[in-house]
Amino acid sequence: MSAALTGTFVYVFISVFAGRDGLLAERQQREQKRILAVRTESIQKTNNSLKLECTALQNDKEVIEGLAKKLGYVSDGDKIVKINGLSFEQEKIYDAGTPVKAREPEYLPEWVSKILGIAAFLTVCLYSLYQDIKSGLFKRRKNPVFMEGIPVYDLPQV
C-alpha cells in the first residue's frame, strides 16, 4: 500500500509543479501576459496620440496652419527669415515595435510523470520486499506434526 501511495504522490507532485498545467507553466504564462500587457499599453498610447492628432488636423484650421509652417510652407503675408545654426525639431516617428507572439510554456510531458511515478512505486515495492526477506518472513517453516488429526505447531514458549 505504501508503494502505491508513494508512486501516486510522485506522479501528482511532478504533474502539479512541472506538468502542462503546473505551477512552472503558469508562471511562464503570467510573465508572457505581463510582457504583452506592457506592449499593448505602449501601442494604445501611440494609437490615442495619433487619433488625437488626426482629429485636430481634420477639425482645426489653426492646427493645419501650424503643421504646414512646421513643414516649411508659408502663407500670404508671412516673412521668411533664415537663421543659420538653428536646428528644428525633428518629426516624431511613431514605432509600433516588433510583433510579439505568445510562446508555448515549457513543461514536462505527461509520460515522464507517469514513468517516474511507476519507478517510485517499483522502488518502494522492491525495498519492502527486501525488508520482508531480510526479516525472515519468507523462510520455510517446519512442517506441522499431526497427533490424532489435530495439527500441532512447533511454537516457542513464552
C-alpha atoms as a PDB file:
ATOM      1  CA  MET A   1       0.000   0.000   0.000  1.00  0.00           C
ATOM      2  CA  SER A   2       2.824   2.390   0.791  1.00  0.00           C
ATOM      3  CA  ALA A   3       4.346   1.684  -2.635  1.00  0.00           C
ATOM      4  CA  ALA A   4       1.130   2.709  -4.401  1.00  0.00           C
ATOM      5  CA  LEU A   5       0.862   5.794  -2.210  1.00  0.00           C
ATOM      6  CA  THR A   6       4.458   6.803  -2.973  1.00  0.00           C
ATOM      7  CA  GLY A   7       4.070   6.232  -6.724  1.00  0.00           C
ATOM      8  CA  THR A   8       0.867   8.256  -6.830  1.00  0.00           C
ATOM      9  CA  PHE A   9       2.418  11.028  -4.750  1.00  0.00           C
ATOM     10  CA  VAL A  10       5.438  11.303  -7.072  1.00  0.00           C
ATOM     11  CA  TYR A  11       3.195  11.377 -10.151  1.00  0.00           C
ATOM     12  CA  VAL A  12       0.912  14.069  -8.700  1.00  0.00           C
ATOM     13  CA  PHE A  13       3.832  16.112  -7.347  1.00  0.00           C
ATOM     14  CA  ILE A  14       5.570  16.238 -10.729  1.00  0.00           C
ATOM     15  CA  SER A  15       2.306  16.966 -12.546  1.00  0.00           C
ATOM     16  CA  VAL A  16       1.386  19.817 -10.205  1.00  0.00           C
ATOM     17  CA  PHE A  17       4.766  21.521 -10.353  1.00  0.00           C
ATOM     18  CA  ALA A  18       6.196  20.703 -13.803  1.00  0.00           C
ATOM     19  CA  GLY A  19       3.214  19.409 -15.798  1.00  0.00           C
ATOM     20  CA  ARG A  20       1.398  21.072 -18.677  1.00  0.00           C
ATOM     21  CA  ASP A  21      -0.959  22.969 -16.361  1.00  0.00           C
ATOM     22  CA  GLY A  22       1.530  23.069 -13.484  1.00  0.00           C
ATOM     23  CA  LEU A  23       2.877  25.935 -11.467  1.00  0.00           C
ATOM     24  CA  LEU A  24       6.012  26.442 -13.594  1.00  0.00           C
ATOM     25  CA  ALA A  25       3.992  26.678 -16.814  1.00  0.00           C
ATOM     26  CA  GLU A  26       1.558  29.058 -15.140  1.00  0.00           C
ATOM     27  CA  ARG A  27       4.419  31.306 -14.030  1.00  0.00           C
ATOM     28  CA  GLN A  28       5.763  31.417 -17.598  1.00  0.00           C
ATOM     29  CA  GLN A  29       2.320  32.324 -18.916  1.00  0.00           C
ATOM     30  CA  ARG A  30       1.897  35.090 -16.325  1.00  0.00           C
ATOM     31  CA  GLU A  31       5.263  36.575 -17.413  1.00  0.00           C
ATOM     32  CA  GLN A  32       4.180  36.489 -21.062  1.00  0.00           C
ATOM     33  CA  LYS A  33       0.887  38.114 -20.135  1.00  0.00           C
ATOM     34  CA  ARG A  34       2.750  40.909 -18.361  1.00  0.00           C
ATOM     35  CA  ILE A  35       5.020  41.496 -21.385  1.00  0.00           C
ATOM     36  CA  LEU A  36       2.050  41.540 -23.755  1.00  0.00           C
ATOM     37  CA  ALA A  37       0.155  43.934 -21.473  1.00  0.00           C
ATOM     38  CA  VAL A  38       3.096  46.366 -21.418  1.00  0.00           C
ATOM     39  CA  ARG A  39       3.381  46.210 -25.224  1.00  0.00           C
ATOM     40  CA  THR A  40      -0.370  46.663 -25.619  1.00  0.00           C
ATOM     41  CA  GLU A  41      -0.340  49.695 -23.335  1.00  0.00           C
ATOM     42  CA  SER A  42       2.508  51.278 -25.311  1.00  0.00           C
ATOM     43  CA  ILE A  43       0.745  50.710 -28.634  1.00  0.00           C
ATOM     44  CA  GLN A  44      -2.527  52.016 -27.175  1.00  0.00           C
ATOM     45  CA  LYS A  45      -0.818  55.268 -26.093  1.00  0.00           C
ATOM     46  CA  THR A  46       0.609  55.719 -29.602  1.00  0.00           C
ATOM     47  CA  ASN A  47      -2.823  54.997 -31.095  1.00  0.00           C
ATOM     48  CA  ASN A  48      -4.521  57.552 -28.821  1.00  0.00           C
ATOM     49  CA  SER A  49      -1.918  60.173 -29.730  1.00  0.00           C
ATOM     50  CA  LEU A  50      -2.402  59.560 -33.443  1.00  0.00           C
ATOM     51  CA  LYS A  51      -6.216  59.673 -33.124  1.00  0.00           C
ATOM     52  CA  LEU A  52      -5.989  62.990 -31.276  1.00  0.00           C
ATOM     53  CA  GLU A  53      -3.624  64.422 -33.905  1.00  0.00           C
ATOM     54  CA  CYS A  54      -5.865  63.179 -36.735  1.00  0.00           C
ATOM     55  CA  THR A  55      -8.968  64.696 -35.154  1.00  0.00           C
ATOM     56  CA  ALA A  56      -7.159  68.010 -34.635  1.00  0.00           C
ATOM     57  CA  LEU A  57      -5.966  68.077 -38.250  1.00  0.00           C
ATOM     58  CA  GLN A  58      -9.458  67.313 -39.562  1.00  0.00           C
ATOM     59  CA  ASN A  59     -11.309  69.886 -37.470  1.00  0.00           C
ATOM     60  CA  ASP A  60      -8.969  72.757 -36.505  1.00  0.00           C
ATOM     61  CA  LYS A  61      -7.671  75.162 -39.173  1.00  0.00           C
ATOM     62  CA  GLU A  62      -5.011  76.607 -36.864  1.00  0.00           C
ATOM     63  CA  VAL A  63      -3.506  73.175 -36.264  1.00  0.00           C
ATOM     64  CA  ILE A  64      -3.300  72.660 -40.034  1.00  0.00           C
ATOM     65  CA  GLU A  65      -1.566  76.027 -40.478  1.00  0.00           C
ATOM     66  CA  GLY A  66       0.850  75.273 -37.634  1.00  0.00           C
ATOM     67  CA  LEU A  67       1.764  71.917 -39.139  1.00  0.00           C
ATOM     68  CA  ALA A  68       2.193  73.498 -42.586  1.00  0.00           C
ATOM     69  CA  LYS A  69       4.584  76.093 -41.154  1.00  0.00           C
ATOM     70  CA  LYS A  70       6.437  73.356 -39.337  1.00  0.00           C
ATOM     71  CA  LEU A  71       6.865  71.567 -42.657  1.00  0.00           C
ATOM     72  CA  GLY A  72       8.209  74.727 -44.292  1.00  0.00           C
ATOM     73  CA  TYR A  73       5.102  76.086 -46.027  1.00  0.00           C
ATOM     74  CA  VAL A  74       4.245  79.786 -45.839  1.00  0.00           C
ATOM     75  CA  SER A  75       1.015  81.644 -46.261  1.00  0.00           C
ATOM     76  CA  ASP A  76       0.315  85.037 -47.770  1.00  0.00           C
ATOM     77  CA  GLY A  77       1.879  87.839 -45.783  1.00  0.00           C
ATOM     78  CA  ASP A  78       4.465  85.731 -43.981  1.00  0.00           C
ATOM     79  CA  LYS A  79       8.056  86.954 -43.984  1.00  0.00           C
ATOM     80  CA  ILE A  80      10.764  84.366 -44.350  1.00  0.00           C
ATOM     81  CA  VAL A  81      13.856  84.700 -42.202  1.00  0.00           C
ATOM     82  CA  LYS A  82      16.575  82.064 -42.326  1.00  0.00           C
ATOM     83  CA  ILE A  83      18.900  81.803 -39.351  1.00  0.00           C
ATOM     84  CA  ASN A  84      21.962  79.638 -39.671  1.00  0.00           C
ATOM     85  CA  GLY A  85      22.884  77.307 -36.814  1.00  0.00           C
ATOM     86  CA  LEU A  86      19.366  76.666 -35.533  1.00  0.00           C
ATOM     87  CA  SER A  87      18.136  73.119 -35.713  1.00  0.00           C
ATOM     88  CA  PHE A  88      14.463  72.426 -35.995  1.00  0.00           C
ATOM     89  CA  GLU A  89      12.671  69.750 -34.087  1.00  0.00           C
ATOM     90  CA  GLN A  90      12.573  66.501 -35.993  1.00  0.00           C
ATOM     91  CA  GLU A  91       9.281  64.957 -36.907  1.00  0.00           C
ATOM     92  CA  LYS A  92       8.196  62.381 -34.362  1.00  0.00           C
ATOM     93  CA  ILE A  93       8.383  58.890 -35.794  1.00  0.00           C
ATOM     94  CA  TYR A  94       5.864  56.506 -34.353  1.00  0.00           C
ATOM     95  CA  ASP A  95       7.101  52.991 -33.812  1.00  0.00           C
ATOM     96  CA  ALA A  96       4.689  50.193 -33.125  1.00  0.00           C
ATOM     97  CA  GLY A  97       7.630  47.893 -32.392  1.00  0.00           C
ATOM     98  CA  THR A  98       8.175  44.354 -33.446  1.00  0.00           C
ATOM     99  CA  PRO A  99       5.429  41.758 -33.226  1.00  0.00           C
ATOM    100  CA  VAL A 100       5.477  39.690 -30.052  1.00  0.00           C
ATOM    101  CA  LYS A 101       3.982  36.212 -30.235  1.00  0.00           C
ATOM    102  CA  ALA A 102       2.982  34.174 -27.230  1.00  0.00           C
ATOM    103  CA  ARG A 103       5.181  31.129 -26.784  1.00  0.00           C
ATOM    104  CA  GLU A 104       4.125  27.702 -25.618  1.00  0.00           C
ATOM    105  CA  PRO A 105       5.296  27.271 -21.997  1.00  0.00           C
ATOM    106  CA  GLU A 106       7.937  24.685 -21.238  1.00  0.00           C
ATOM    107  CA  TYR A 107       6.772  21.707 -19.215  1.00  0.00           C
ATOM    108  CA  LEU A 108       7.441  18.031 -18.620  1.00  0.00           C
ATOM    109  CA  PRO A 109       5.348  15.699 -20.748  1.00  0.00           C
ATOM    110  CA  GLU A 110       2.762  13.525 -19.037  1.00  0.00           C
ATOM    111  CA  TRP A 111       4.620  10.309 -19.833  1.00  0.00           C
ATOM    112  CA  VAL A 112       7.649  11.486 -17.813  1.00  0.00           C
ATOM    113  CA  SER A 113       5.455  11.947 -14.740  1.00  0.00           C
ATOM    114  CA  LYS A 114       3.935   8.507 -15.240  1.00  0.00           C
ATOM    115  CA  ILE A 115       7.304   6.797 -15.657  1.00  0.00           C
ATOM    116  CA  LEU A 116       8.710   8.483 -12.553  1.00  0.00           C
ATOM    117  CA  GLY A 117       5.589   7.511 -10.566  1.00  0.00           C
ATOM    118  CA  ILE A 118       5.923   3.879 -11.692  1.00  0.00           C
ATOM    119  CA  ALA A 119       9.649   3.947 -10.877  1.00  0.00           C
ATOM    120  CA  ALA A 120       8.893   5.240  -7.371  1.00  0.00           C
ATOM    121  CA  PHE A 121       6.228   2.530  -6.948  1.00  0.00           C
ATOM    122  CA  LEU A 122       8.641  -0.213  -8.011  1.00  0.00           C
ATOM    123  CA  THR A 123      11.441   1.163  -5.823  1.00  0.00           C
ATOM    124  CA  VAL A 124       9.311   1.211  -2.688  1.00  0.00           C
ATOM    125  CA  CYS A 125       7.776  -2.172  -3.550  1.00  0.00           C
ATOM    126  CA  LEU A 126      11.198  -3.782  -4.028  1.00  0.00           C
ATOM    127  CA  TYR A 127      12.519  -2.142  -0.860  1.00  0.00           C
ATOM    128  CA  SER A 128       9.557  -3.514   1.129  1.00  0.00           C
ATOM    129  CA  LEU A 129      10.132  -6.966  -0.377  1.00  0.00           C
ATOM    130  CA  TYR A 130      13.805  -6.759   0.557  1.00  0.00           C
ATOM    131  CA  GLN A 131      12.913  -5.804   4.138  1.00  0.00           C
ATOM    132  CA  ASP A 132      10.459  -8.725   4.356  1.00  0.00           C
ATOM    133  CA  ILE A 133      13.075 -11.174   3.079  1.00  0.00           C
ATOM    134  CA  LYS A 134      15.665  -9.733   5.440  1.00  0.00           C
ATOM    135  CA  SER A 135      13.348 -10.126   8.437  1.00  0.00           C
ATOM    136  CA  GLY A 136      12.745 -13.786   7.582  1.00  0.00           C
ATOM    137  CA  LEU A 137       9.118 -13.531   6.568  1.00  0.00           C
ATOM    138  CA  PHE A 138       9.604 -15.925   3.634  1.00  0.00           C
ATOM    139  CA  LYS A 139      11.655 -18.611   5.414  1.00  0.00           C
ATOM    140  CA  ARG A 140      10.403 -22.175   5.186  1.00  0.00           C
ATOM    141  CA  ARG A 141       8.550 -23.202   8.266  1.00  0.00           C
ATOM    142  CA  LYS A 142       8.736 -26.591   9.831  1.00  0.00           C
ATOM    143  CA  ASN A 143       6.019 -28.972   8.834  1.00  0.00           C
ATOM    144  CA  PRO A 144       3.322 -29.339  11.453  1.00  0.00           C
ATOM    145  CA  VAL A 145       3.183 -32.580  13.403  1.00  0.00           C
ATOM    146  CA  PHE A 146      -0.181 -34.343  13.420  1.00  0.00           C
ATOM    147  CA  MET A 147      -1.352 -36.191  16.506  1.00  0.00           C
ATOM    148  CA  GLU A 148      -4.644 -37.922  16.090  1.00  0.00           C
ATOM    149  CA  GLY A 149      -5.829 -35.488  13.352  1.00  0.00           C
ATOM    150  CA  ILE A 150      -5.031 -32.250  15.225  1.00  0.00           C
ATOM    151  CA  PRO A 151      -2.128 -30.230  13.853  1.00  0.00           C
ATOM    152  CA  VAL A 152       0.438 -29.274  16.474  1.00  0.00           C
ATOM    153  CA  TYR A 153       2.767 -26.442  15.618  1.00  0.00           C
ATOM    154  CA  ASP A 154       6.225 -26.003  16.976  1.00  0.00           C
ATOM    155  CA  LEU A 155       5.727 -22.662  18.758  1.00  0.00           C
ATOM    156  CA  PRO A 156       8.279 -21.049  21.019  1.00  0.00           C
ATOM    157  CA  GLN A 157       7.349 -20.957  24.692  1.00  0.00           C
ATOM    158  CA  VAL A 158       6.865 -17.533  26.195  1.00  0.00           C
END
